[in-house]
Structures are given as structure tokens and as C-alpha cells.
């Protein structure tokens, strides 16, 4: 389980770095949640170069994207 969570966090770290140009605010939130330092958020930190350190304390998780609530309509 620990390995799966670590690999998932690493994938999210890499995707967040790649998405910064498209979704800067959301990518920053994700990188903050993974405790990635500001100086390790550029393309040179992708892959094995700046992996997450196992055992790093992470902040309390928070939603990155607002929850979608379907508007109540007339039922049609």
C-alpha cells in the first residue's frame, strides 16, 4: 500500500509540474499538498531528479477543484 501511495503521489507531482502553464493555481495547490519546495517546481525537476522524500509530513488534504453541484432544473 505504501508503494502504491508513493507512486501515485509521484505521478501527481509530475503531472502538476507539467500542468502549471495551463492551470497554475490548481497545479500550485497540488504541489503545496505534496510539500514540493518552490525551487523544485520547474521542468528540470521532472522524473527521478527531484523525487518526493519518503516520510515527508504532508499538510491536511484539501480540495483542489470546487465540488460540482448539479443545478436543480425543471426535470427535463
PDB file of N, CA and C in Angstrom:
ATOM      1  N   UNK A   1       0.828  -1.180   0.000  1.00  0.00           N
ATOM      2  CA  UNK A   1       0.000   0.000   0.000  1.00  0.00           C
ATOM      3  C   UNK A   1       0.881   1.254   0.000  1.00  0.00           C
ATOM      4  N   UNK A   2       1.937   1.274   0.793  1.00  0.00           N
ATOM      5  CA  UNK A   2       2.823   2.429   0.844  1.00  0.00           C
ATOM      6  C   UNK A   2       3.448   2.736  -0.501  1.00  0.00           C
ATOM      7  N   UNK A   3       3.841   1.676  -1.210  1.00  0.00           N
ATOM      8  CA  UNK A   3       4.453   1.861  -2.533  1.00  0.00           C
ATOM      9  C   UNK A   3       3.447   2.450  -3.512  1.00  0.00           C
ATOM     10  N   UNK A   4       2.229   1.959  -3.467  1.00  0.00           N
ATOM     11  CA  UNK A   4       1.191   2.461  -4.369  1.00  0.00           C
ATOM     12  C   UNK A   4       0.906   3.930  -4.092  1.00  0.00           C
ATOM     13  N   UNK A   5       0.818   4.308  -2.828  1.00  0.00           N
ATOM     14  CA  UNK A   5       0.575   5.707  -2.489  1.00  0.00           C
ATOM     15  C   UNK A   5       1.742   6.591  -2.913  1.00  0.00           C
ATOM     16  N   UNK A   6       2.963   6.107  -2.724  1.00  0.00           N
ATOM     17  CA  UNK A   6       4.141   6.890  -3.117  1.00  0.00           C
ATOM     18  C   UNK A   6       4.181   7.094  -4.628  1.00  0.00           C
ATOM     19  N   UNK A   7       3.958   6.032  -5.380  1.00  0.00           N
ATOM     20  CA  UNK A   7       3.989   6.134  -6.842  1.00  0.00           C
ATOM     21  C   UNK A   7       2.877   7.072  -7.322  1.00  0.00           C
ATOM     22  N   UNK A   8       1.712   6.981  -6.718  1.00  0.00           N
ATOM     23  CA  UNK A   8       0.605   7.870  -7.085  1.00  0.00           C
ATOM     24  C   UNK A   8       0.968   9.328  -6.810  1.00  0.00           C
ATOM     25  N   UNK A   9       1.569   9.594  -5.663  1.00  0.00           N
ATOM     26  CA  UNK A   9       1.989  10.957  -5.327  1.00  0.00           C
ATOM     27  C   UNK A   9       3.044  11.462  -6.310  1.00  0.00           C
ATOM     28  N   UNK A  10       3.955  10.590  -6.728  1.00  0.00           N
ATOM     29  CA  UNK A  10       4.986  10.968  -7.701  1.00  0.00           C
ATOM     30  C   UNK A  10       4.362  11.308  -9.059  1.00  0.00           C
ATOM     31  N   UNK A  11       3.391  10.526  -9.476  1.00  0.00           N
ATOM     32  CA  UNK A  11       2.703  10.806 -10.742  1.00  0.00           C
ATOM     33  C   UNK A  11       1.988  12.153 -10.648  1.00  0.00           C
ATOM     34  N   UNK A  12       1.317  12.402  -9.550  1.00  0.00           N
ATOM     35  CA  UNK A  12       0.618  13.671  -9.365  1.00  0.00           C
ATOM     36  C   UNK A  12       1.618  14.828  -9.349  1.00  0.00           C
ATOM     37  N   UNK A  13       2.779  14.639  -8.743  1.00  0.00           N
ATOM     38  CA  UNK A  13       3.812  15.678  -8.725  1.00  0.00           C
ATOM     39  C   UNK A  13       4.250  16.020 -10.149  1.00  0.00           C
ATOM     40  N   UNK A  14       4.544  15.001 -10.937  1.00  0.00           N
ATOM     41  CA  UNK A  14       4.998  15.226 -12.315  1.00  0.00           C
ATOM     42  C   UNK A  14       3.914  15.874 -13.165  1.00  0.00           C
ATOM     43  N   UNK A  15       2.686  15.391 -13.059  1.00  0.00           N
ATOM     44  CA  UNK A  15       1.576  15.961 -13.830  1.00  0.00           C
ATOM     45  C   UNK A  15       1.328  17.409 -13.401  1.00  0.00           C
ATOM     46  N   UNK A  16       1.436  17.690 -12.118  1.00  0.00           N
ATOM     47  CA  UNK A  16       1.224  19.059 -11.631  1.00  0.00           C
ATOM     48  C   UNK A  16       2.275  20.010 -12.176  1.00  0.00           C
ATOM     49  N   UNK A  17       3.515  19.555 -12.241  1.00  0.00           N
ATOM     50  CA  UNK A  17       4.576  20.394 -12.812  1.00  0.00           C
ATOM     51  C   UNK A  17       4.270  20.677 -14.281  1.00  0.00           C
ATOM     52  N   UNK A  18       3.831  19.660 -15.005  1.00  0.00           N
ATOM     53  CA  UNK A  18       3.517  19.835 -16.423  1.00  0.00           C
ATOM     54  C   UNK A  18       2.306  20.733 -16.644  1.00  0.00           C
ATOM     55  N   UNK A  19       1.355  20.725 -15.720  1.00  0.00           N
ATOM     56  CA  UNK A  19       0.107  21.487 -15.868  1.00  0.00           C
ATOM     57  C   UNK A  19       0.203  22.936 -15.404  1.00  0.00           C
ATOM     58  N   UNK A  20       1.328  23.333 -14.839  1.00  0.00           N
ATOM     59  CA  UNK A  20       1.437  24.691 -14.303  1.00  0.00           C
ATOM     60  C   UNK A  20       1.161  25.773 -15.338  1.00  0.00           C
ATOM     61  N   UNK A  21       1.538  25.533 -16.588  1.00  0.00           N
ATOM     62  CA  UNK A  21       1.322  26.538 -17.630  1.00  0.00           C
ATOM     63  C   UNK A  21      -0.160  26.678 -17.979  1.00  0.00           C
ATOM     64  N   UNK A  22      -0.919  25.597 -17.812  1.00  0.00           N
ATOM     65  CA  UNK A  22      -2.330  25.587 -18.204  1.00  0.00           C
ATOM     66  C   UNK A  22      -3.236  25.937 -17.029  1.00  0.00           C
ATOM     67  N   UNK A  23      -2.928  25.356 -15.871  1.00  0.00           N
ATOM     68  CA  UNK A  23      -3.734  25.564 -14.667  1.00  0.00           C
ATOM     69  C   UNK A  23      -2.821  25.943 -13.502  1.00  0.00           C
ATOM     70  N   UNK A  24      -2.274  27.151 -13.497  1.00  0.00           N
ATOM     71  CA  UNK A  24      -1.271  27.499 -12.494  1.00  0.00           C
ATOM     72  C   UNK A  24      -1.773  27.429 -11.052  1.00  0.00           C
ATOM     73  N   UNK A  25      -2.975  27.888 -10.804  1.00  0.00           N
ATOM     74  CA  UNK A  25      -3.491  27.909  -9.428  1.00  0.00           C
ATOM     75  C   UNK A  25      -3.718  26.491  -8.901  1.00  0.00           C
ATOM     76  N   UNK A  26      -4.357  25.657  -9.697  1.00  0.00           N
ATOM     77  CA  UNK A  26      -4.643  24.279  -9.278  1.00  0.00           C
ATOM     78  C   UNK A  26      -3.358  23.467  -9.144  1.00  0.00           C
ATOM     79  N   UNK A  27      -2.432  23.641 -10.074  1.00  0.00           N
ATOM     80  CA  UNK A  27      -1.160  22.913 -10.002  1.00  0.00           C
ATOM     81  C   UNK A  27      -0.385  23.329  -8.764  1.00  0.00           C
ATOM     82  N   UNK A  28      -0.421  24.612  -8.441  1.00  0.00           N
ATOM     83  CA  UNK A  28       0.269  25.089  -7.243  1.00  0.00           C
ATOM     84  C   UNK A  28      -0.338  24.468  -5.986  1.00  0.00           C
ATOM     85  N   UNK A  29      -1.665  24.388  -5.939  1.00  0.00           N
ATOM     86  CA  UNK A  29      -2.333  23.763  -4.788  1.00  0.00           C
ATOM     87  C   UNK A  29      -1.905  22.297  -4.636  1.00  0.00           C
ATOM     88  N   UNK A  30      -1.865  21.566  -5.759  1.00  0.00           N
ATOM     89  CA  UNK A  30      -1.457  20.166  -5.706  1.00  0.00           C
ATOM     90  C   UNK A  30      -0.012  20.035  -5.219  1.00  0.00           C
ATOM     91  N   UNK A  31       0.871  20.868  -5.730  1.00  0.00           N
ATOM     92  CA  UNK A  31       2.270  20.811  -5.313  1.00  0.00           C
ATOM     93  C   UNK A  31       2.422  21.207  -3.848  1.00  0.00           C
ATOM     94  N   UNK A  32       1.609  22.145  -3.385  1.00  0.00           N
ATOM     95  CA  UNK A  32       1.618  22.501  -1.961  1.00  0.00           C
ATOM     96  C   UNK A  32       1.182  21.315  -1.108  1.00  0.00           C
ATOM     97  N   UNK A  33       0.141  20.601  -1.559  1.00  0.00           N
ATOM     98  CA  UNK A  33      -0.349  19.441  -0.811  1.00  0.00           C
ATOM     99  C   UNK A  33       0.679  18.315  -0.754  1.00  0.00           C
ATOM    100  N   UNK A  34       1.571  18.269  -1.733  1.00  0.00           N
ATOM    101  CA  UNK A  34       2.629  17.258  -1.745  1.00  0.00           C
ATOM    102  C   UNK A  34       3.910  17.770  -1.086  1.00  0.00           C
ATOM    103  N   UNK A  35       3.867  18.984  -0.557  1.00  0.00           N
ATOM    104  CA  UNK A  35       5.017  19.609   0.123  1.00  0.00           C
ATOM    105  C   UNK A  35       6.239  19.699  -0.790  1.00  0.00           C
ATOM    106  N   UNK A  36       6.014  20.024  -2.066  1.00  0.00           N
ATOM    107  CA  UNK A  36       7.110  20.194  -3.013  1.00  0.00           C
ATOM    108  C   UNK A  36       7.657  21.615  -2.844  1.00  0.00           C
ATOM    109  N   UNK A  37       8.946  21.767  -2.565  1.00  0.00           N
ATOM    110  CA  UNK A  37       9.520  23.103  -2.397  1.00  0.00           C
ATOM    111  C   UNK A  37       9.388  23.948  -3.672  1.00  0.00           C
ATOM    112  N   UNK A  38       9.323  25.253  -3.500  1.00  0.00           N
ATOM    113  CA  UNK A  38       9.167  26.175  -4.634  1.00  0.00           C
ATOM    114  C   UNK A  38      10.277  26.011  -5.660  1.00  0.00           C
ATOM    115  N   UNK A  39      11.493  25.704  -5.224  1.00  0.00           N
ATOM    116  CA  UNK A  39      12.618  25.607  -6.157  1.00  0.00           C
ATOM    117  C   UNK A  39      12.674  24.266  -6.889  1.00  0.00           C
ATOM    118  N   UNK A  40      11.692  23.394  -6.649  1.00  0.00           N
ATOM    119  CA  UNK A  40      11.644  22.100  -7.332  1.00  0.00           C
ATOM    120  C   UNK A  40      10.333  21.930  -8.101  1.00  0.00           C
ATOM    121  N   UNK A  41       9.865  23.031  -8.681  1.00  0.00           N
ATOM    122  CA  UNK A  41       8.591  23.005  -9.407  1.00  0.00           C
ATOM    123  C   UNK A  41       8.746  23.344 -10.885  1.00  0.00           C
ATOM    124  N   UNK A  42       9.938  23.226 -11.425  1.00  0.00           N
ATOM    125  CA  UNK A  42      10.140  23.516 -12.841  1.00  0.00           C
ATOM    126  C   UNK A  42      10.410  22.227 -13.606  1.00  0.00           C
ATOM    127  N   UNK A  43      10.494  22.351 -14.928  1.00  0.00           N
ATOM    128  CA  UNK A  43      10.653  21.165 -15.774  1.00  0.00           C
ATOM    129  C   UNK A  43      11.924  20.381 -15.463  1.00  0.00           C
ATOM    130  N   UNK A  44      12.939  21.030 -14.954  1.00  0.00           N
ATOM    131  CA  UNK A  44      14.178  20.312 -14.634  1.00  0.00           C
ATOM    132  C   UNK A  44      14.003  19.376 -13.436  1.00  0.00           C
ATOM    133  N   UNK A  45      12.880  19.494 -12.727  1.00  0.00           N
ATOM    134  CA  UNK A  45      12.607  18.636 -11.569  1.00  0.00           C
ATOM    135  C   UNK A  45      11.730  17.436 -11.908  1.00  0.00           C
ATOM    136  N   UNK A  46      11.411  17.264 -13.185  1.00  0.00           N
ATOM    137  CA  UNK A  46      10.585  16.126 -13.598  1.00  0.00           C
ATOM    138  C   UNK A  46      11.364  14.816 -13.496  1.00  0.00           C
ATOM    139  N   UNK A  47      10.636  13.732 -13.332  1.00  0.00           N
ATOM    140  CA  UNK A  47      11.259  12.413 -13.317  1.00  0.00           C
ATOM    141  C   UNK A  47      11.983  12.119 -12.021  1.00  0.00           C
ATOM    142  N   UNK A  48      13.115  11.429 -12.145  1.00  0.00           N
ATOM    143  CA  UNK A  48      13.856  10.960 -10.968  1.00  0.00           C
ATOM    144  C   UNK A  48      14.685  12.041 -10.288  1.00  0.00           C
ATOM    145  N   UNK A  49      14.829  13.186 -10.922  1.00  0.00           N
ATOM    146  CA  UNK A  49      15.738  14.223 -10.422  1.00  0.00           C
ATOM    147  C   UNK A  49      15.342  14.725  -9.032  1.00  0.00           C
ATOM    148  N   UNK A  50      14.083  14.995  -8.807  1.00  0.00           N
ATOM    149  CA  UNK A  50      13.639  15.618  -7.548  1.00  0.00           C
ATOM    150  C   UNK A  50      12.464  14.860  -6.952  1.00  0.00           C
ATOM    151  N   UNK A  51      12.610  13.568  -6.832  1.00  0.00           N
ATOM    152  CA  UNK A  51      11.509  12.762  -6.286  1.00  0.00           C
ATOM    153  C   UNK A  51      11.113  13.211  -4.887  1.00  0.00           C
ATOM    154  N   UNK A  52       9.905  12.869  -4.508  1.00  0.00           N
ATOM    155  CA  UNK A  52       9.426  13.142  -3.160  1.00  0.00           C
ATOM    156  C   UNK A  52      10.229  12.313  -2.164  1.00  0.00           C
ATOM    157  N   UNK A  53      10.501  12.893  -1.021  1.00  0.00           N
ATOM    158  CA  UNK A  53      11.228  12.163   0.016  1.00  0.00           C
ATOM    159  C   UNK A  53      10.250  11.330   0.828  1.00  0.00           C
ATOM    160  N   UNK A  54      10.453  10.011   0.877  1.00  0.00           N
ATOM    161  CA  UNK A  54       9.561   9.181   1.688  1.00  0.00           C
ATOM    162  C   UNK A  54       9.576   9.641   3.145  1.00  0.00           C
ATOM    163  N   UNK A  55       8.418   9.632   3.761  1.00  0.00           N
ATOM    164  CA  UNK A  55       8.307  10.015   5.164  1.00  0.00           C
ATOM    165  C   UNK A  55       8.083  11.497   5.392  1.00  0.00           C
ATOM    166  N   UNK A  56       8.005  12.289   4.329  1.00  0.00           N
ATOM    167  CA  UNK A  56       7.764  13.726   4.468  1.00  0.00           C
ATOM    168  C   UNK A  56       6.357  13.958   4.997  1.00  0.00           C
ATOM    169  N   UNK A  57       6.240  14.818   5.984  1.00  0.00           N
ATOM    170  CA  UNK A  57       4.916  15.155   6.516  1.00  0.00           C
ATOM    171  C   UNK A  57       4.179  16.025   5.513  1.00  0.00           C
ATOM    172  N   UNK A  58       2.946  15.673   5.256  1.00  0.00           N
ATOM    173  CA  UNK A  58       2.120  16.424   4.312  1.00  0.00           C
ATOM    174  C   UNK A  58       1.061  17.212   5.068  1.00  0.00           C
ATOM    175  N   UNK A  59       0.658  18.354   4.529  1.00  0.00           N
ATOM    176  CA  UNK A  59      -0.404  19.116   5.185  1.00  0.00           C
ATOM    177  C   UNK A  59      -1.743  18.393   5.072  1.00  0.00           C
ATOM    178  N   UNK A  60      -2.704  18.857   5.847  1.00  0.00           N
ATOM    179  CA  UNK A  60      -4.047  18.282   5.793  1.00  0.00           C
ATOM    180  C   UNK A  60      -4.592  18.435   4.371  1.00  0.00           C
ATOM    181  N   UNK A  61      -5.099  17.351   3.784  1.00  0.00           N
ATOM    182  CA  UNK A  61      -5.609  17.450   2.409  1.00  0.00           C
ATOM    183  C   UNK A  61      -6.825  18.359   2.312  1.00  0.00           C
ATOM    184  N   UNK A  62      -6.860  19.109   1.230  1.00  0.00           N
ATOM    185  CA  UNK A  62      -7.982  19.991   0.929  1.00  0.00           C
ATOM    186  C   UNK A  62      -8.347  19.815  -0.536  1.00  0.00           C
ATOM    187  N   UNK A  63      -9.550  20.153  -0.879  1.00  0.00           N
ATOM    188  CA  UNK A  63      -9.976  20.055  -2.266  1.00  0.00           C
ATOM    189  C   UNK A  63      -9.220  21.031  -3.152  1.00  0.00           C
ATOM    190  N   UNK A  64      -8.874  20.583  -4.325  1.00  0.00           N
ATOM    191  CA  UNK A  64      -8.169  21.438  -5.283  1.00  0.00           C
ATOM    192  C   UNK A  64      -9.162  22.101  -6.215  1.00  0.00           C
ATOM    193  N   UNK A  65     -10.168  21.358  -6.600  1.00  0.00           N
ATOM    194  CA  UNK A  65     -11.192  21.866  -7.507  1.00  0.00           C
ATOM    195  C   UNK A  65     -12.500  21.976  -6.741  1.00  0.00           C
ATOM    196  N   UNK A  66     -13.328  22.993  -7.058  1.00  0.00           N
ATOM    197  CA  UNK A  66     -14.605  23.122  -6.358  1.00  0.00           C
ATOM    198  C   UNK A  66     -15.531  21.948  -6.687  1.00  0.00           C
ATOM    199  N   UNK A  67     -16.312  21.575  -5.728  1.00  0.00           N
ATOM    200  CA  UNK A  67     -17.263  20.485  -5.928  1.00  0.00           C
ATOM    201  C   UNK A  67     -18.355  20.933  -6.891  1.00  0.00           C
ATOM    202  N   UNK A  68     -18.665  20.062  -7.839  1.00  0.00           N
ATOM    203  CA  UNK A  68     -19.734  20.348  -8.794  1.00  0.00           C
ATOM    204  C   UNK A  68     -21.059  19.943  -8.181  1.00  0.00           C
ATOM    205  N   UNK A  69     -21.975  20.881  -8.163  1.00  0.00           N
ATOM    206  CA  UNK A  69     -23.332  20.601  -7.697  1.00  0.00           C
ATOM    207  C   UNK A  69     -24.268  20.878  -8.863  1.00  0.00           C
ATOM    208  N   UNK A  70     -24.942  19.821  -9.303  1.00  0.00           N
ATOM    209  CA  UNK A  70     -25.827  19.960 -10.441  1.00  0.00           C
ATOM    210  C   UNK A  70     -26.974  20.885 -10.084  1.00  0.00           C
ATOM    211  N   UNK A  71     -27.215  21.887 -10.916  1.00  0.00           N
ATOM    212  CA  UNK A  71     -28.309  22.801 -10.634  1.00  0.00           C
ATOM    213  C   UNK A  71     -29.652  22.086 -10.724  1.00  0.00           C
ATOM    214  N   UNK A  72     -30.522  22.495  -9.835  1.00  0.00           N
ATOM    215  CA  UNK A  72     -31.861  21.914  -9.869  1.00  0.00           C
ATOM    216  C   UNK A  72     -32.617  22.537 -11.019  1.00  0.00           C
ATOM    217  N   UNK A  73     -33.140  21.699 -11.856  1.00  0.00           N
ATOM    218  CA  UNK A  73     -33.874  22.196 -13.030  1.00  0.00           C
ATOM    219  C   UNK A  73     -35.330  21.800 -12.991  1.00  0.00           C
ATOM    220  N   UNK A  74     -35.916  21.912 -14.134  1.00  0.00           N
ATOM    221  CA  UNK A  74     -37.341  21.591 -14.244  1.00  0.00           C
ATOM    222  C   UNK A  74     -37.567  20.112 -14.517  1.00  0.00           C
ATOM    223  N   UNK A  75     -36.497  19.305 -14.491  1.00  0.00           N
ATOM    224  CA  UNK A  75     -36.642  17.869 -14.665  1.00  0.00           C
ATOM    225  C   UNK A  75     -36.620  17.399 -16.094  1.00  0.00           C
ATOM    226  N   UNK A  76     -36.452  18.283 -17.064  1.00  0.00           N
ATOM    227  CA  UNK A  76     -36.432  17.818 -18.449  1.00  0.00           C
ATOM    228  C   UNK A  76     -35.047  17.596 -18.947  1.00  0.00           C
TER     229      UNK A  76
END
